[in-house]
């Protein structure tokens, strides 16, 4: 049995955020991977260009490519200046 909302790991690095119809944006990221009832999910922060992140923030679905090449389906939930918050879309599995 596991604890509800158990943090499994935190990942940091440089990556790339993409969304359909938008230019990709280079970012620094912090990803918190957490086990919740029903699966493993992620949330965190991105730091990049406001001008690049704003069009992606307006799209419902985006993708974050981590430094190890792994891709996470995400949705940007907040954008303030050059910083954005995000949540994963669905279960992320093992990272």
N, C-alpha and C. Protein backbone atom coordinates (compact mmCIF):
# COMPACT_ATOMS: atom_id res chain seq x y z
N UNK A 1 0.84 -1.18 0.00
CA UNK A 1 0.00 0.00 0.00
C UNK A 1 0.88 1.24 0.00
N UNK A 2 0.41 2.32 -0.57
CA UNK A 2 1.18 3.54 -0.63
C UNK A 2 0.43 4.68 0.05
N UNK A 3 1.18 5.68 0.44
CA UNK A 3 0.58 6.88 1.03
C UNK A 3 -0.10 7.69 -0.06
N UNK A 4 -1.22 8.31 0.23
CA UNK A 4 -1.84 9.19 -0.78
C UNK A 4 -0.90 10.34 -1.10
N UNK A 5 -0.82 10.69 -2.37
CA UNK A 5 0.01 11.79 -2.84
C UNK A 5 1.47 11.66 -2.39
N UNK A 6 2.03 10.51 -2.58
CA UNK A 6 3.42 10.24 -2.23
C UNK A 6 4.34 10.77 -3.33
N UNK A 7 5.26 11.67 -2.98
CA UNK A 7 6.22 12.19 -3.95
C UNK A 7 7.28 11.13 -4.19
N UNK A 8 7.44 10.77 -5.47
CA UNK A 8 8.38 9.72 -5.84
C UNK A 8 9.75 10.28 -6.19
N UNK A 9 9.78 11.39 -6.92
CA UNK A 9 11.05 12.00 -7.31
C UNK A 9 10.81 13.42 -7.81
N UNK A 10 11.88 14.18 -7.87
CA UNK A 10 11.85 15.52 -8.47
C UNK A 10 12.95 15.58 -9.51
N UNK A 11 12.60 16.03 -10.70
CA UNK A 11 13.55 16.12 -11.81
C UNK A 11 13.77 17.59 -12.16
N UNK A 12 15.00 17.96 -12.46
CA UNK A 12 15.31 19.31 -12.92
C UNK A 12 16.20 19.22 -14.14
N UNK A 13 16.15 20.26 -14.96
CA UNK A 13 17.01 20.28 -16.13
C UNK A 13 16.54 21.29 -17.14
N UNK A 14 17.09 21.15 -18.34
CA UNK A 14 16.72 22.00 -19.46
C UNK A 14 16.00 21.13 -20.49
N UNK A 15 14.93 21.69 -21.05
CA UNK A 15 14.16 20.92 -22.01
C UNK A 15 13.51 21.81 -23.04
N UNK A 16 12.51 21.25 -23.71
CA UNK A 16 11.83 21.93 -24.80
C UNK A 16 10.33 21.70 -24.66
N UNK A 17 9.55 22.78 -24.77
CA UNK A 17 8.09 22.67 -24.72
C UNK A 17 7.55 22.93 -26.12
N UNK A 18 6.63 22.07 -26.55
CA UNK A 18 6.02 22.22 -27.87
C UNK A 18 4.50 22.08 -27.74
N UNK A 19 3.80 22.69 -28.68
CA UNK A 19 2.35 22.54 -28.80
C UNK A 19 2.01 22.73 -30.26
N UNK A 20 0.96 22.07 -30.70
CA UNK A 20 0.55 22.15 -32.10
C UNK A 20 0.26 23.59 -32.48
N UNK A 21 0.87 24.03 -33.59
CA UNK A 21 0.66 25.38 -34.09
C UNK A 21 1.50 26.44 -33.42
N UNK A 22 2.38 26.05 -32.50
CA UNK A 22 3.22 27.00 -31.77
C UNK A 22 4.70 26.66 -31.99
N UNK A 23 5.53 27.69 -31.91
CA UNK A 23 6.97 27.43 -31.96
C UNK A 23 7.42 26.79 -30.66
N UNK A 24 8.42 25.94 -30.73
CA UNK A 24 8.95 25.31 -29.52
C UNK A 24 9.71 26.35 -28.70
N UNK A 25 9.76 26.10 -27.38
CA UNK A 25 10.39 27.03 -26.45
C UNK A 25 11.37 26.26 -25.57
N UNK A 26 12.59 26.75 -25.49
CA UNK A 26 13.58 26.17 -24.58
C UNK A 26 13.26 26.65 -23.17
N UNK A 27 13.30 25.71 -22.22
CA UNK A 27 12.93 26.02 -20.84
C UNK A 27 13.87 25.33 -19.85
N UNK A 28 13.88 25.85 -18.65
CA UNK A 28 14.40 25.14 -17.49
C UNK A 28 13.17 24.60 -16.77
N UNK A 29 13.24 23.38 -16.25
CA UNK A 29 12.06 22.78 -15.64
C UNK A 29 12.38 22.18 -14.28
N UNK A 30 11.33 22.08 -13.48
CA UNK A 30 11.33 21.31 -12.24
C UNK A 30 10.05 20.49 -12.29
N UNK A 31 10.19 19.18 -12.28
CA UNK A 31 9.06 18.26 -12.39
C UNK A 31 8.98 17.45 -11.09
N UNK A 32 7.84 17.49 -10.44
CA UNK A 32 7.58 16.68 -9.25
C UNK A 32 6.71 15.50 -9.69
N UNK A 33 7.20 14.30 -9.47
CA UNK A 33 6.47 13.08 -9.84
C UNK A 33 5.84 12.53 -8.58
N UNK A 34 4.53 12.32 -8.64
CA UNK A 34 3.76 11.99 -7.45
C UNK A 34 2.82 10.82 -7.74
N UNK A 35 2.75 9.90 -6.79
CA UNK A 35 1.78 8.81 -6.89
C UNK A 35 0.49 9.27 -6.22
N UNK A 36 -0.59 9.18 -6.98
CA UNK A 36 -1.92 9.50 -6.45
C UNK A 36 -2.81 8.29 -6.70
N UNK A 37 -3.96 8.32 -6.10
CA UNK A 37 -4.90 7.24 -6.37
C UNK A 37 -5.18 7.23 -7.86
N UNK A 38 -4.96 6.10 -8.49
CA UNK A 38 -5.22 5.98 -9.92
C UNK A 38 -3.99 6.11 -10.79
N UNK A 39 -2.81 6.37 -10.23
CA UNK A 39 -1.63 6.40 -11.08
C UNK A 39 -0.52 7.31 -10.60
N UNK A 40 0.40 7.56 -11.52
CA UNK A 40 1.55 8.43 -11.26
C UNK A 40 1.40 9.66 -12.15
N UNK A 41 1.44 10.82 -11.52
CA UNK A 41 1.23 12.08 -12.21
C UNK A 41 2.38 13.03 -11.93
N UNK A 42 2.46 14.11 -12.70
CA UNK A 42 3.55 15.07 -12.53
C UNK A 42 2.99 16.49 -12.58
N UNK A 43 3.70 17.38 -11.92
CA UNK A 43 3.40 18.81 -11.99
C UNK A 43 4.71 19.54 -11.75
N UNK A 44 4.73 20.83 -12.03
CA UNK A 44 5.96 21.55 -11.79
C UNK A 44 5.97 22.94 -12.39
N UNK A 45 7.18 23.43 -12.60
CA UNK A 45 7.41 24.80 -13.07
C UNK A 45 8.32 24.79 -14.29
N UNK A 46 8.06 25.74 -15.16
CA UNK A 46 8.90 25.99 -16.33
C UNK A 46 9.37 27.43 -16.29
N UNK A 47 10.59 27.67 -16.74
CA UNK A 47 11.11 29.03 -16.85
C UNK A 47 11.68 29.19 -18.26
N UNK A 48 11.10 30.15 -18.99
CA UNK A 48 11.53 30.41 -20.36
C UNK A 48 11.06 31.77 -20.79
N UNK A 49 10.99 31.99 -22.05
CA UNK A 49 10.55 33.27 -22.60
C UNK A 49 9.04 33.42 -22.51
N UNK A 50 8.58 34.53 -21.92
CA UNK A 50 7.14 34.80 -21.83
C UNK A 50 6.51 34.82 -23.22
N UNK A 51 7.19 35.46 -24.17
CA UNK A 51 6.67 35.55 -25.54
C UNK A 51 6.52 34.17 -26.17
N UNK A 52 7.40 33.24 -25.83
CA UNK A 52 7.30 31.89 -26.36
C UNK A 52 6.29 31.03 -25.62
N UNK A 53 6.20 31.21 -24.30
CA UNK A 53 5.31 30.38 -23.49
C UNK A 53 3.84 30.79 -23.61
N UNK A 54 3.58 32.07 -23.87
CA UNK A 54 2.18 32.54 -23.90
C UNK A 54 1.31 31.81 -24.92
N UNK A 55 1.75 31.63 -26.18
CA UNK A 55 0.90 30.88 -27.11
C UNK A 55 0.66 29.43 -26.68
N UNK A 56 1.65 28.82 -26.02
CA UNK A 56 1.51 27.45 -25.55
C UNK A 56 0.53 27.40 -24.38
N UNK A 57 0.57 28.42 -23.52
CA UNK A 57 -0.34 28.51 -22.38
C UNK A 57 -1.79 28.57 -22.87
N UNK A 58 -2.03 29.16 -24.02
CA UNK A 58 -3.38 29.28 -24.57
C UNK A 58 -3.88 27.98 -25.20
N UNK A 59 -2.98 27.04 -25.45
CA UNK A 59 -3.35 25.73 -26.02
C UNK A 59 -3.66 24.75 -24.89
N UNK A 60 -4.63 23.86 -25.08
CA UNK A 60 -4.97 22.92 -23.99
C UNK A 60 -3.93 21.81 -23.78
N UNK A 61 -3.21 21.43 -24.84
CA UNK A 61 -2.26 20.32 -24.73
C UNK A 61 -0.89 20.75 -25.24
N UNK A 62 0.13 20.34 -24.49
CA UNK A 62 1.51 20.61 -24.89
C UNK A 62 2.36 19.40 -24.52
N UNK A 63 3.63 19.46 -24.87
CA UNK A 63 4.55 18.38 -24.55
C UNK A 63 5.85 18.98 -24.05
N UNK A 64 6.38 18.40 -22.97
CA UNK A 64 7.67 18.79 -22.42
C UNK A 64 8.65 17.66 -22.70
N UNK A 65 9.74 17.99 -23.41
CA UNK A 65 10.81 17.01 -23.64
C UNK A 65 11.88 17.23 -22.58
N UNK A 66 12.13 16.20 -21.79
CA UNK A 66 13.12 16.28 -20.72
C UNK A 66 14.52 16.09 -21.27
N UNK A 67 15.53 16.37 -20.45
CA UNK A 67 16.92 16.26 -20.91
C UNK A 67 17.30 14.83 -21.27
N UNK A 68 16.58 13.84 -20.73
CA UNK A 68 16.86 12.44 -21.07
C UNK A 68 16.11 11.98 -22.32
N UNK A 69 15.38 12.90 -22.96
CA UNK A 69 14.64 12.58 -24.17
C UNK A 69 13.21 12.14 -23.95
N UNK A 70 12.87 11.82 -22.71
CA UNK A 70 11.49 11.41 -22.37
C UNK A 70 10.54 12.59 -22.60
N UNK A 71 9.33 12.31 -23.05
CA UNK A 71 8.33 13.35 -23.30
C UNK A 71 7.16 13.18 -22.34
N UNK A 72 6.70 14.32 -21.81
CA UNK A 72 5.54 14.35 -20.94
C UNK A 72 4.44 15.16 -21.60
N UNK A 73 3.23 14.63 -21.62
CA UNK A 73 2.07 15.41 -22.07
C UNK A 73 1.64 16.30 -20.91
N UNK A 74 1.60 17.61 -21.16
CA UNK A 74 1.31 18.56 -20.09
C UNK A 74 0.28 19.60 -20.54
N UNK A 75 -0.23 20.32 -19.56
CA UNK A 75 -1.07 21.49 -19.80
C UNK A 75 -0.55 22.60 -18.90
N UNK A 76 -0.25 23.76 -19.48
CA UNK A 76 0.18 24.89 -18.67
C UNK A 76 -1.02 25.45 -17.94
N UNK A 77 -0.92 25.59 -16.63
CA UNK A 77 -2.05 26.02 -15.82
C UNK A 77 -1.94 27.47 -15.36
N UNK A 78 -0.75 28.05 -15.43
CA UNK A 78 -0.56 29.43 -14.99
C UNK A 78 0.67 29.98 -15.69
N UNK A 79 0.64 31.27 -15.98
CA UNK A 79 1.79 31.93 -16.61
C UNK A 79 1.92 33.32 -16.01
N UNK A 80 3.05 33.56 -15.36
CA UNK A 80 3.35 34.87 -14.77
C UNK A 80 4.77 35.23 -15.18
N UNK A 81 4.89 36.25 -16.01
CA UNK A 81 6.20 36.64 -16.51
C UNK A 81 6.81 35.51 -17.32
N UNK A 82 8.04 35.15 -16.95
CA UNK A 82 8.76 34.07 -17.65
C UNK A 82 8.59 32.71 -16.99
N UNK A 83 7.67 32.59 -16.03
CA UNK A 83 7.47 31.35 -15.29
C UNK A 83 6.07 30.80 -15.55
N UNK A 84 6.00 29.49 -15.74
CA UNK A 84 4.72 28.82 -15.97
C UNK A 84 4.62 27.60 -15.06
N UNK A 85 3.40 27.34 -14.60
CA UNK A 85 3.12 26.11 -13.86
C UNK A 85 2.44 25.14 -14.82
N UNK A 86 2.63 23.84 -14.59
CA UNK A 86 2.00 22.85 -15.46
C UNK A 86 1.59 21.63 -14.65
N UNK A 87 0.69 20.84 -15.25
CA UNK A 87 0.29 19.54 -14.74
C UNK A 87 0.36 18.55 -15.88
N UNK A 88 0.66 17.31 -15.56
CA UNK A 88 0.66 16.28 -16.59
C UNK A 88 -0.77 15.98 -17.02
N UNK A 89 -0.90 15.51 -18.24
CA UNK A 89 -2.18 15.06 -18.75
C UNK A 89 -2.15 13.54 -18.68
N UNK A 90 -2.83 12.99 -17.70
CA UNK A 90 -2.86 11.55 -17.54
C UNK A 90 -1.66 11.00 -16.78
N UNK A 91 -1.64 9.70 -16.66
CA UNK A 91 -0.60 8.96 -15.94
C UNK A 91 0.72 9.06 -16.71
N UNK A 92 1.82 9.37 -16.01
CA UNK A 92 3.12 9.51 -16.66
C UNK A 92 3.94 8.23 -16.62
N UNK A 93 3.51 7.26 -15.86
CA UNK A 93 4.28 6.01 -15.75
C UNK A 93 5.59 6.23 -15.03
N UNK A 94 6.55 5.38 -15.27
CA UNK A 94 7.85 5.48 -14.61
C UNK A 94 8.75 6.44 -15.37
N UNK A 95 9.35 7.37 -14.66
CA UNK A 95 10.31 8.30 -15.30
C UNK A 95 11.71 7.95 -14.91
